[in-house]
Amino acid sequence: MEITVDNIKCGGCAGSITKKLTTVFDTDKINVNIEQGIINIDLDDSKKNELVKVLLDLGYPETDSVHGFDSAKAKAKSFVSCAIGTMNK
């Protein structure tokens, strides 16, 4: 499955995303394209809503899915996820 998300800025973001998705979905077949904001994960399409929720909780909403205050809140969460991912390298 491929999903495009907002707020991916660096390897720290990618690290947090990969770690969380590996844990939640029990797969290590995850690729995060930082420049394009694209996440590829070996996951059944029936799990898309769950994937979208997990990513939003980390601060990486599906592109064009949040606006206004929710967008600002997602950006704030992504900064925290990014910092955690950077420290865990």
N, C-alpha and C. Protein backbone atom coordinates (compact mmCIF):
# COMPACT_ATOMS: atom_id res chain seq x y z
N MET A 1 0.84 -1.16 0.00
CA MET A 1 0.00 0.00 0.00
C MET A 1 0.89 1.24 0.00
N GLU A 2 0.46 2.25 -0.69
CA GLU A 2 1.20 3.51 -0.74
C GLU A 2 0.29 4.61 -0.22
N ILE A 3 0.86 5.48 0.61
CA ILE A 3 0.10 6.61 1.15
C ILE A 3 1.02 7.83 1.17
N THR A 4 0.47 8.97 0.81
CA THR A 4 1.22 10.23 0.82
C THR A 4 0.77 11.04 2.03
N VAL A 5 1.75 11.50 2.81
CA VAL A 5 1.44 12.22 4.04
C VAL A 5 2.18 13.56 4.09
N ASP A 6 1.72 14.40 5.00
CA ASP A 6 2.35 15.70 5.23
C ASP A 6 3.34 15.61 6.39
N ASN A 7 4.22 16.59 6.46
CA ASN A 7 5.11 16.85 7.61
C ASN A 7 6.36 15.99 7.71
N ILE A 8 6.65 15.12 6.76
CA ILE A 8 7.91 14.37 6.84
C ILE A 8 9.04 15.32 6.43
N LYS A 9 10.00 15.50 7.34
CA LYS A 9 11.07 16.46 7.10
C LYS A 9 12.47 15.85 7.02
N CYS A 10 12.66 14.71 7.70
CA CYS A 10 14.02 14.21 7.80
C CYS A 10 14.04 12.72 8.16
N GLY A 11 15.23 12.22 8.35
CA GLY A 11 15.41 10.83 8.74
C GLY A 11 14.84 10.51 10.11
N GLY A 12 14.78 11.51 11.00
CA GLY A 12 14.18 11.31 12.31
C GLY A 12 12.69 11.01 12.18
N CYS A 13 12.03 11.76 11.30
CA CYS A 13 10.61 11.51 11.02
C CYS A 13 10.44 10.10 10.48
N ALA A 14 11.25 9.76 9.49
CA ALA A 14 11.16 8.44 8.86
C ALA A 14 11.41 7.34 9.89
N GLY A 15 12.35 7.57 10.80
CA GLY A 15 12.65 6.58 11.83
C GLY A 15 11.48 6.35 12.76
N SER A 16 10.83 7.43 13.19
CA SER A 16 9.66 7.31 14.07
C SER A 16 8.51 6.60 13.37
N ILE A 17 8.28 6.96 12.11
CA ILE A 17 7.21 6.34 11.34
C ILE A 17 7.48 4.85 11.18
N THR A 18 8.69 4.51 10.78
CA THR A 18 9.05 3.11 10.55
C THR A 18 8.92 2.29 11.83
N LYS A 19 9.42 2.83 12.94
CA LYS A 19 9.36 2.11 14.21
C LYS A 19 7.92 1.86 14.63
N LYS A 20 7.07 2.87 14.55
CA LYS A 20 5.68 2.74 14.97
C LYS A 20 4.92 1.76 14.07
N LEU A 21 5.10 1.90 12.75
CA LEU A 21 4.38 1.03 11.83
C LEU A 21 4.84 -0.42 11.95
N THR A 22 6.13 -0.61 12.19
CA THR A 22 6.66 -1.97 12.39
C THR A 22 6.00 -2.62 13.60
N THR A 23 5.86 -1.85 14.67
CA THR A 23 5.27 -2.37 15.90
C THR A 23 3.77 -2.64 15.74
N VAL A 24 3.04 -1.68 15.19
CA VAL A 24 1.58 -1.79 15.10
C VAL A 24 1.15 -2.87 14.10
N PHE A 25 1.83 -2.92 12.95
CA PHE A 25 1.38 -3.81 11.87
C PHE A 25 2.25 -5.06 11.71
N ASP A 26 3.24 -5.22 12.57
CA ASP A 26 4.09 -6.42 12.56
C ASP A 26 4.67 -6.71 11.17
N THR A 27 5.23 -5.67 10.55
CA THR A 27 5.92 -5.84 9.27
C THR A 27 7.15 -4.96 9.25
N ASP A 28 8.19 -5.45 8.59
CA ASP A 28 9.38 -4.63 8.42
C ASP A 28 9.52 -4.21 6.96
N LYS A 29 8.48 -4.43 6.18
CA LYS A 29 8.50 -4.04 4.76
C LYS A 29 7.88 -2.65 4.63
N ILE A 30 8.66 -1.66 5.04
CA ILE A 30 8.23 -0.26 5.06
C ILE A 30 9.31 0.59 4.42
N ASN A 31 8.91 1.47 3.53
CA ASN A 31 9.84 2.40 2.91
C ASN A 31 9.25 3.80 3.01
N VAL A 32 10.03 4.74 3.53
CA VAL A 32 9.59 6.12 3.66
C VAL A 32 10.43 6.98 2.72
N ASN A 33 9.76 7.62 1.76
CA ASN A 33 10.42 8.55 0.85
C ASN A 33 10.25 9.94 1.45
N ILE A 34 11.31 10.45 2.06
CA ILE A 34 11.27 11.72 2.78
C ILE A 34 10.94 12.88 1.85
N GLU A 35 11.59 12.93 0.70
CA GLU A 35 11.41 14.06 -0.21
C GLU A 35 9.98 14.17 -0.73
N GLN A 36 9.34 13.06 -1.02
CA GLN A 36 8.00 13.08 -1.60
C GLN A 36 6.90 12.85 -0.57
N GLY A 37 7.26 12.49 0.64
CA GLY A 37 6.26 12.24 1.68
C GLY A 37 5.44 10.98 1.43
N ILE A 38 6.06 10.02 0.78
CA ILE A 38 5.35 8.79 0.43
C ILE A 38 5.83 7.64 1.31
N ILE A 39 4.86 6.91 1.85
CA ILE A 39 5.15 5.72 2.65
C ILE A 39 4.61 4.51 1.91
N ASN A 40 5.47 3.54 1.70
CA ASN A 40 5.06 2.25 1.14
C ASN A 40 5.17 1.22 2.25
N ILE A 41 4.10 0.45 2.43
CA ILE A 41 4.08 -0.56 3.48
C ILE A 41 3.37 -1.79 2.94
N ASP A 42 3.92 -2.94 3.29
CA ASP A 42 3.31 -4.20 2.89
C ASP A 42 2.14 -4.47 3.83
N LEU A 43 0.95 -4.02 3.38
CA LEU A 43 -0.23 -4.06 4.22
C LEU A 43 -1.46 -4.23 3.34
N ASP A 44 -2.41 -5.00 3.82
CA ASP A 44 -3.66 -5.21 3.09
C ASP A 44 -4.46 -3.91 3.05
N ASP A 45 -5.12 -3.66 1.92
CA ASP A 45 -5.90 -2.43 1.74
C ASP A 45 -6.99 -2.25 2.80
N SER A 46 -7.46 -3.35 3.37
CA SER A 46 -8.51 -3.26 4.39
C SER A 46 -8.03 -2.57 5.66
N LYS A 47 -6.72 -2.40 5.81
CA LYS A 47 -6.14 -1.77 7.00
C LYS A 47 -5.83 -0.28 6.79
N LYS A 48 -6.28 0.28 5.66
CA LYS A 48 -5.92 1.67 5.35
C LYS A 48 -6.40 2.65 6.42
N ASN A 49 -7.65 2.51 6.89
CA ASN A 49 -8.16 3.44 7.90
C ASN A 49 -7.33 3.38 9.18
N GLU A 50 -6.92 2.18 9.56
CA GLU A 50 -6.08 2.04 10.75
C GLU A 50 -4.71 2.70 10.52
N LEU A 51 -4.15 2.51 9.33
CA LEU A 51 -2.87 3.13 8.98
C LEU A 51 -2.97 4.64 9.04
N VAL A 52 -4.03 5.20 8.45
CA VAL A 52 -4.23 6.64 8.44
C VAL A 52 -4.31 7.18 9.87
N LYS A 53 -5.01 6.48 10.76
CA LYS A 53 -5.14 6.91 12.15
C LYS A 53 -3.80 6.87 12.87
N VAL A 54 -3.04 5.81 12.69
CA VAL A 54 -1.73 5.70 13.35
C VAL A 54 -0.82 6.84 12.89
N LEU A 55 -0.80 7.09 11.59
CA LEU A 55 0.05 8.17 11.07
C LEU A 55 -0.40 9.54 11.57
N LEU A 56 -1.71 9.77 11.62
CA LEU A 56 -2.22 11.04 12.13
C LEU A 56 -1.84 11.22 13.60
N ASP A 57 -1.93 10.15 14.39
CA ASP A 57 -1.55 10.23 15.80
C ASP A 57 -0.08 10.58 15.98
N LEU A 58 0.75 10.21 15.00
CA LEU A 58 2.18 10.57 15.03
C LEU A 58 2.43 11.99 14.53
N GLY A 59 1.44 12.58 13.85
CA GLY A 59 1.60 13.93 13.29
C GLY A 59 1.83 13.94 11.80
N TYR A 60 1.55 12.83 11.13
CA TYR A 60 1.78 12.72 9.69
C TYR A 60 0.46 12.35 9.01
N PRO A 61 -0.43 13.36 8.86
CA PRO A 61 -1.74 13.08 8.25
C PRO A 61 -1.63 12.82 6.76
N GLU A 62 -2.58 12.04 6.26
CA GLU A 62 -2.65 11.83 4.82
C GLU A 62 -2.82 13.19 4.16
N THR A 63 -2.13 13.42 3.06
CA THR A 63 -2.15 14.70 2.37
C THR A 63 -3.58 15.15 2.09
N ASP A 64 -3.86 16.40 2.40
CA ASP A 64 -5.16 17.05 2.19
C ASP A 64 -6.28 16.48 3.07
N SER A 65 -5.95 15.81 4.16
CA SER A 65 -7.00 15.24 5.01
C SER A 65 -7.30 16.10 6.24
N VAL A 66 -6.39 16.98 6.61
CA VAL A 66 -6.62 17.88 7.75
C VAL A 66 -6.34 19.31 7.35
N HIS A 67 -7.08 20.23 7.99
CA HIS A 67 -6.94 21.65 7.66
C HIS A 67 -7.07 22.48 8.93
N GLY A 68 -6.66 23.73 8.86
CA GLY A 68 -6.81 24.66 9.97
C GLY A 68 -6.11 24.21 11.23
N PHE A 69 -6.85 24.25 12.36
CA PHE A 69 -6.27 23.91 13.65
C PHE A 69 -5.75 22.47 13.67
N ASP A 70 -6.48 21.55 13.03
CA ASP A 70 -6.04 20.15 13.01
C ASP A 70 -4.70 20.00 12.29
N SER A 71 -4.50 20.82 11.27
CA SER A 71 -3.22 20.79 10.55
C SER A 71 -2.09 21.30 11.44
N ALA A 72 -2.35 22.37 12.17
CA ALA A 72 -1.35 22.91 13.09
C ALA A 72 -1.03 21.91 14.19
N LYS A 73 -2.06 21.24 14.69
CA LYS A 73 -1.86 20.22 15.73
C LYS A 73 -1.01 19.06 15.20
N ALA A 74 -1.27 18.65 13.97
CA ALA A 74 -0.49 17.57 13.36
C ALA A 74 0.97 17.98 13.21
N LYS A 75 1.21 19.23 12.80
CA LYS A 75 2.59 19.70 12.66
C LYS A 75 3.32 19.66 14.00
N ALA A 76 2.63 20.07 15.07
CA ALA A 76 3.25 20.05 16.40
C ALA A 76 3.59 18.61 16.81
N LYS A 77 2.68 17.69 16.56
CA LYS A 77 2.95 16.28 16.88
C LYS A 77 4.12 15.75 16.07
N SER A 78 4.21 16.17 14.80
CA SER A 78 5.29 15.66 13.95
C SER A 78 6.64 16.14 14.46
N PHE A 79 6.71 17.35 15.03
CA PHE A 79 7.98 17.83 15.58
C PHE A 79 8.44 16.94 16.73
N VAL A 80 7.50 16.52 17.56
CA VAL A 80 7.83 15.63 18.68
C VAL A 80 8.28 14.27 18.14
N SER A 81 7.52 13.71 17.19
CA SER A 81 7.89 12.42 16.60
C SER A 81 9.27 12.50 15.94
N CYS A 82 9.52 13.59 15.27
CA CYS A 82 10.81 13.80 14.59
C CYS A 82 11.94 13.81 15.63
N ALA A 83 11.75 14.56 16.70
CA ALA A 83 12.79 14.64 17.73
C ALA A 83 13.06 13.29 18.36
N ILE A 84 12.00 12.53 18.63
CA ILE A 84 12.17 11.20 19.19
C ILE A 84 12.92 10.30 18.22
N GLY A 85 12.53 10.37 16.95
CA GLY A 85 13.20 9.56 15.94
C GLY A 85 14.66 9.92 15.78
N THR A 86 14.97 11.21 15.91
CA THR A 86 16.36 11.66 15.80
C THR A 86 17.19 11.18 16.99
N MET A 87 16.61 11.21 18.18
CA MET A 87 17.33 10.78 19.38
C MET A 87 17.55 9.26 19.39
N ASN A 88 16.67 8.52 18.75
CA ASN A 88 16.78 7.06 18.75
C ASN A 88 17.69 6.52 17.67
N LYS A 89 18.33 7.38 16.92
CA LYS A 89 19.23 6.90 15.85
C LYS A 89 20.48 6.31 16.42
